[in-house]
Protein backbone atom coordinates (compact mmCIF):
# COMPACT_ATOMS: atom_id res chain seq x y z
CA UNK A 1 0.00 0.00 0.00
CA UNK A 2 1.21 3.47 -0.81
CA UNK A 3 0.85 6.49 1.44
CA UNK A 4 -2.02 7.76 -0.74
CA UNK A 5 -4.03 4.61 -0.03
CA UNK A 6 -3.59 4.88 3.74
CA UNK A 7 -5.83 7.97 4.11
CA UNK A 8 -9.57 8.29 4.61
CA UNK A 9 -11.12 11.24 2.76
CA UNK A 10 -14.43 12.59 4.07
CA UNK A 11 -16.73 15.57 3.58
CA UNK A 12 -17.27 17.29 6.93
CA UNK A 13 -18.66 20.49 8.43
CA UNK A 14 -16.62 23.00 10.46
CA UNK A 15 -18.25 23.66 13.84
CA UNK A 16 -15.68 25.78 15.67
CA UNK A 17 -12.55 27.80 14.81
CA UNK A 18 -9.66 27.44 17.26
CA UNK A 19 -6.30 29.25 17.53
CA UNK A 20 -3.31 28.35 15.30
CA UNK A 21 -5.42 27.40 12.25
CA UNK A 22 -7.07 24.47 14.06
CA UNK A 23 -10.76 23.61 13.73
CA UNK A 24 -13.35 21.34 15.30
CA UNK A 25 -14.95 19.40 12.45
CA UNK A 26 -18.13 17.31 12.59
CA UNK A 27 -18.00 14.07 10.60
CA UNK A 28 -21.03 12.87 8.59
CA UNK A 29 -21.74 9.71 10.60
CA UNK A 30 -24.60 8.69 12.88
CA UNK A 31 -22.74 9.64 16.07
CA UNK A 32 -21.85 13.16 14.81
CA UNK A 33 -18.23 12.63 15.85
CA UNK A 34 -16.10 15.77 16.23
CA UNK A 35 -12.39 15.68 15.41
CA UNK A 36 -9.58 18.21 15.57
CA UNK A 37 -8.35 19.27 12.12
CA UNK A 38 -5.61 21.58 10.90
CA UNK A 39 -5.25 23.43 7.59
CA UNK A 40 -2.98 21.93 4.93
CA UNK A 41 0.09 23.83 3.78
CA UNK A 42 -1.23 24.81 0.35
CA UNK A 43 -4.37 26.28 1.89
CA UNK A 44 -2.23 28.32 4.30
CA UNK A 45 0.04 29.50 1.48
CA UNK A 46 -2.90 30.71 -0.62
CA UNK A 47 -4.72 32.30 2.38
CA UNK A 48 -7.88 30.20 2.03
CA UNK A 49 -10.28 31.35 4.76
CA UNK A 50 -12.32 28.78 6.65
CA UNK A 51 -15.29 29.78 8.80
CA UNK A 52 -17.64 27.78 11.04
CA UNK A 53 -20.41 26.32 8.89
CA UNK A 54 -18.19 25.66 5.84
CA UNK A 55 -18.13 22.24 4.22
CA UNK A 56 -14.58 20.92 3.91
CA UNK A 57 -12.76 17.82 2.73
CA UNK A 58 -10.80 16.15 5.53
CA UNK A 59 -8.06 13.53 5.25
CA UNK A 60 -7.62 11.20 8.22
CA UNK A 61 -5.04 8.56 9.03
CA UNK A 62 -6.30 5.09 10.01
CA UNK A 63 -3.89 5.17 12.97
CA UNK A 64 -5.40 8.19 14.74
CA UNK A 65 -9.08 8.80 14.06
CA UNK A 66 -9.30 11.87 16.31
CA UNK A 67 -7.21 14.20 14.11
CA UNK A 68 -7.32 15.23 10.48
CA UNK A 69 -6.07 17.64 7.81
CA UNK A 70 -8.36 20.00 5.89
CA UNK A 71 -7.39 19.85 2.20
CA UNK A 72 -10.30 21.59 0.44
CA UNK A 73 -13.01 24.11 1.30
CA UNK A 74 -16.34 23.63 -0.46
CA UNK A 75 -19.32 25.92 -0.46
């Protein structure tokens, strides 16, 4: 397996903005699980703004399901 295959990619909703470009993100499952997510480097470099209520794409590692990386901001 390559590193690309090791990630889970999900659509999620931002619920809370935290300091240092960290966000609480609600996953689209039955339990409404919240994880801690940070902004990817390209989004920081291009000054993509993320606000509570935005729909984002989150990548998660199968080793730690409580943290993730925001890679795309939808509408």
